[in-house]
N, C-alpha and C. Protein backbone atom coordinates (compact mmCIF):
# COMPACT_ATOMS: atom_id res chain seq x y z
N UNK A 1 -3.69 15.74 8.12
CA UNK A 1 -3.01 14.75 8.17
C UNK A 1 -2.60 14.00 7.44
N UNK A 2 -0.88 13.34 6.65
CA UNK A 2 -0.75 12.78 5.68
C UNK A 2 -1.77 10.80 6.01
N UNK A 3 -2.34 11.09 4.98
CA UNK A 3 -2.38 9.25 4.85
C UNK A 3 -1.59 8.55 3.65
N UNK A 4 -1.65 7.16 3.96
CA UNK A 4 -0.78 6.11 3.00
C UNK A 4 -0.79 6.78 1.34
N UNK A 5 -1.94 6.37 0.94
CA UNK A 5 -1.88 6.66 -0.15
C UNK A 5 -1.14 8.14 -0.61
N UNK A 6 -0.86 9.16 -0.05
CA UNK A 6 -0.22 10.16 -0.37
C UNK A 6 1.54 9.91 -0.26
N UNK A 7 2.04 8.40 0.25
CA UNK A 7 3.39 8.55 0.54
C UNK A 7 3.62 7.67 -0.76
N UNK A 8 5.09 8.57 -1.03
CA UNK A 8 6.16 8.03 -1.75
C UNK A 8 6.23 6.61 -1.92
N UNK A 9 6.21 5.72 -0.93
CA UNK A 9 6.43 4.25 -0.74
C UNK A 9 5.18 3.49 -0.78
N UNK A 10 4.07 4.26 -0.83
CA UNK A 10 2.32 3.10 -1.05
C UNK A 10 2.49 2.92 -2.18
N UNK A 11 2.60 2.13 -2.83
CA UNK A 11 2.16 0.88 -4.24
C UNK A 11 0.42 0.70 -4.45
N UNK A 12 0.01 0.85 -5.50
CA UNK A 12 -1.40 0.37 -5.26
C UNK A 12 -1.58 -0.89 -6.60
N UNK A 13 -1.67 -1.70 -6.25
CA UNK A 13 -1.56 -2.98 -7.49
C UNK A 13 -3.79 -3.07 -7.96
N UNK A 14 -3.32 -2.75 -9.19
CA UNK A 14 -4.76 -2.85 -9.48
C UNK A 14 -5.10 -4.09 -10.64
N UNK A 15 -4.29 -5.13 -9.97
CA UNK A 15 -4.36 -6.31 -11.35
C UNK A 15 -5.78 -6.82 -10.75
N UNK A 16 -6.70 -6.93 -11.53
CA UNK A 16 -7.57 -7.97 -11.55
C UNK A 16 -8.10 -8.93 -12.55
N UNK A 17 -8.14 -10.68 -12.06
CA UNK A 17 -8.40 -11.75 -12.53
C UNK A 17 -9.67 -12.06 -12.03
N UNK A 18 -9.92 -13.24 -12.72
CA UNK A 18 -10.88 -14.10 -11.79
C UNK A 18 -10.41 -14.49 -10.42
N UNK A 19 -9.44 -14.89 -9.97
CA UNK A 19 -8.81 -15.27 -8.83
C UNK A 19 -8.52 -14.32 -8.01
N UNK A 20 -7.59 -12.82 -8.21
CA UNK A 20 -7.43 -12.06 -7.66
C UNK A 20 -8.22 -10.80 -7.08
N UNK A 21 -8.35 -10.36 -6.00
CA UNK A 21 -8.96 -9.20 -5.52
C UNK A 21 -8.68 -8.09 -5.93
N UNK A 22 -9.58 -7.40 -5.94
CA UNK A 22 -9.45 -5.92 -6.19
C UNK A 22 -8.13 -5.09 -6.09
N UNK A 23 -8.59 -3.85 -5.94
CA UNK A 23 -7.19 -2.96 -5.90
C UNK A 23 -6.72 -3.09 -4.21
N UNK A 24 -5.09 -3.59 -4.25
CA UNK A 24 -4.61 -3.76 -2.45
C UNK A 24 -3.34 -2.61 -2.83
N UNK A 25 -3.37 -2.34 -1.51
CA UNK A 25 -2.69 -1.31 -1.78
C UNK A 25 -1.50 -2.26 -1.10
N UNK A 26 -0.04 -1.16 -0.53
CA UNK A 26 1.55 -2.03 -0.16
C UNK A 26 2.41 -0.98 0.18
N UNK A 27 2.84 -1.15 1.20
CA UNK A 27 4.50 -0.52 1.97
C UNK A 27 5.66 -0.80 1.19
N UNK A 28 6.12 -0.32 0.61
CA UNK A 28 7.11 -1.47 -0.19
C UNK A 28 8.41 -0.99 0.94
N UNK A 29 8.45 -0.10 1.84
CA UNK A 29 9.51 0.37 2.89
C UNK A 29 9.08 -1.13 3.62
N UNK A 30 8.51 -2.36 3.88
CA UNK A 30 7.63 -3.05 5.05
C UNK A 30 8.57 -4.15 4.01
N UNK A 31 8.88 -4.78 2.93
CA UNK A 31 9.57 -5.49 2.70
C UNK A 31 9.39 -5.45 0.92
N UNK A 32 10.20 -6.46 0.44
CA UNK A 32 10.14 -6.98 -0.74
C UNK A 32 8.38 -7.89 -1.60
N UNK A 33 7.61 -8.39 -0.56
CA UNK A 33 6.63 -9.49 -0.51
C UNK A 33 5.62 -8.91 -0.89
N UNK A 34 4.89 -9.15 -1.70
CA UNK A 34 3.50 -8.08 -2.17
C UNK A 34 2.47 -8.92 -2.27
N UNK A 35 2.30 -9.83 -0.86
CA UNK A 35 1.09 -11.46 -1.66
C UNK A 35 -0.24 -10.27 -1.37
N UNK A 36 -1.72 -10.33 -2.28
CA UNK A 36 -2.88 -10.46 -2.44
C UNK A 36 -3.18 -10.96 -1.16
N UNK A 37 -2.58 -12.13 -0.23
CA UNK A 37 -3.39 -12.96 0.31
C UNK A 37 -3.35 -12.47 1.64
N UNK A 38 -2.34 -11.19 2.23
CA UNK A 38 -2.32 -11.20 3.19
C UNK A 38 -3.65 -10.07 3.82
N UNK A 39 -4.29 -9.78 5.01
CA UNK A 39 -5.41 -9.17 5.26
C UNK A 39 -4.24 -7.73 5.42
N UNK A 40 -5.13 -6.68 5.10
CA UNK A 40 -4.97 -5.34 5.35
C UNK A 40 -4.15 -5.27 6.81
N UNK A 41 -2.60 -4.25 6.67
CA UNK A 41 -2.09 -5.12 8.22
C UNK A 41 -1.19 -5.87 8.27
N UNK A 42 -1.04 -7.21 7.75
CA UNK A 42 -0.70 -7.79 8.20
C UNK A 42 0.69 -7.85 7.39
N UNK A 43 1.96 -8.26 7.20
CA UNK A 43 2.86 -8.09 6.59
C UNK A 43 2.92 -7.04 5.13
N UNK A 44 3.21 -6.64 4.35
CA UNK A 44 3.26 -5.18 3.76
C UNK A 44 1.95 -4.65 3.17
N UNK A 45 1.14 -5.46 3.30
CA UNK A 45 -0.71 -4.77 2.63
C UNK A 45 -0.99 -3.59 3.84
N UNK A 46 -1.28 -2.50 3.21
CA UNK A 46 -1.61 -1.19 4.07
C UNK A 46 -3.32 -0.86 3.70
N UNK A 47 -3.63 -0.29 4.46
CA UNK A 47 -5.31 0.47 4.37
C UNK A 47 -4.54 1.79 3.63
N UNK A 48 -4.98 2.47 2.40
CA UNK A 48 -4.59 3.52 2.05
C UNK A 48 -4.92 4.58 2.62
N UNK A 49 -5.75 4.94 3.49
CA UNK A 49 -6.28 5.91 4.07
C UNK A 49 -5.72 6.04 5.53
N UNK A 50 -5.01 4.71 6.34
CA UNK A 50 -4.36 4.85 7.76
C UNK A 50 -3.33 6.08 7.66
N UNK A 51 -3.29 6.69 9.27
CA UNK A 51 -2.32 7.82 8.80
C UNK A 51 -0.67 7.54 8.51
N UNK A 52 -0.10 8.35 7.83
CA UNK A 52 0.67 7.76 7.54
C UNK A 52 2.21 7.59 8.76
N UNK A 53 3.18 6.93 8.40
CA UNK A 53 3.83 6.34 9.71
C UNK A 53 4.90 6.85 9.42
N UNK A 54 6.10 7.14 10.76
CA UNK A 54 6.71 7.79 10.74
C UNK A 54 7.44 8.01 9.21
N UNK A 55 7.75 7.01 8.46
CA UNK A 55 8.80 7.19 7.49
C UNK A 55 7.79 7.76 6.56
N UNK A 56 6.89 8.76 6.17
CA UNK A 56 5.98 9.04 5.46
C UNK A 56 6.60 10.31 4.21
N UNK A 57 6.86 10.09 3.67
CA UNK A 57 7.28 10.63 2.50
C UNK A 57 6.37 10.99 1.92
N UNK A 58 6.40 12.49 0.96
CA UNK A 58 5.21 13.06 -0.13
C UNK A 58 5.40 12.55 -1.31
N UNK A 59 5.00 12.32 -2.23
CA UNK A 59 4.50 11.93 -3.01
C UNK A 59 4.44 12.95 -4.00
N UNK A 60 5.53 12.70 -5.20
CA UNK A 60 6.16 14.02 -5.85
C UNK A 60 4.52 14.05 -7.30
N UNK A 61 4.07 15.39 -7.83
CA UNK A 61 3.17 15.79 -8.01
C UNK A 61 3.31 15.81 -9.69
N UNK A 62 2.86 15.10 -10.94
CA UNK A 62 3.88 14.90 -11.97
C UNK A 62 2.91 16.36 -12.97
């Protein structure tokens, strides 16, 4: 079964500073606002290991 991290719409934000959390994952289909303040499952934030949704599109392998 495919998972979110394999989806073309899933985006990993790895920016780290003193006030930012570590890596966060977002779904571009859920909206344009990528806030790291939300918990996983709120707004655009996703768990990269959750099963892919009906809009799942496999990422292209480069």
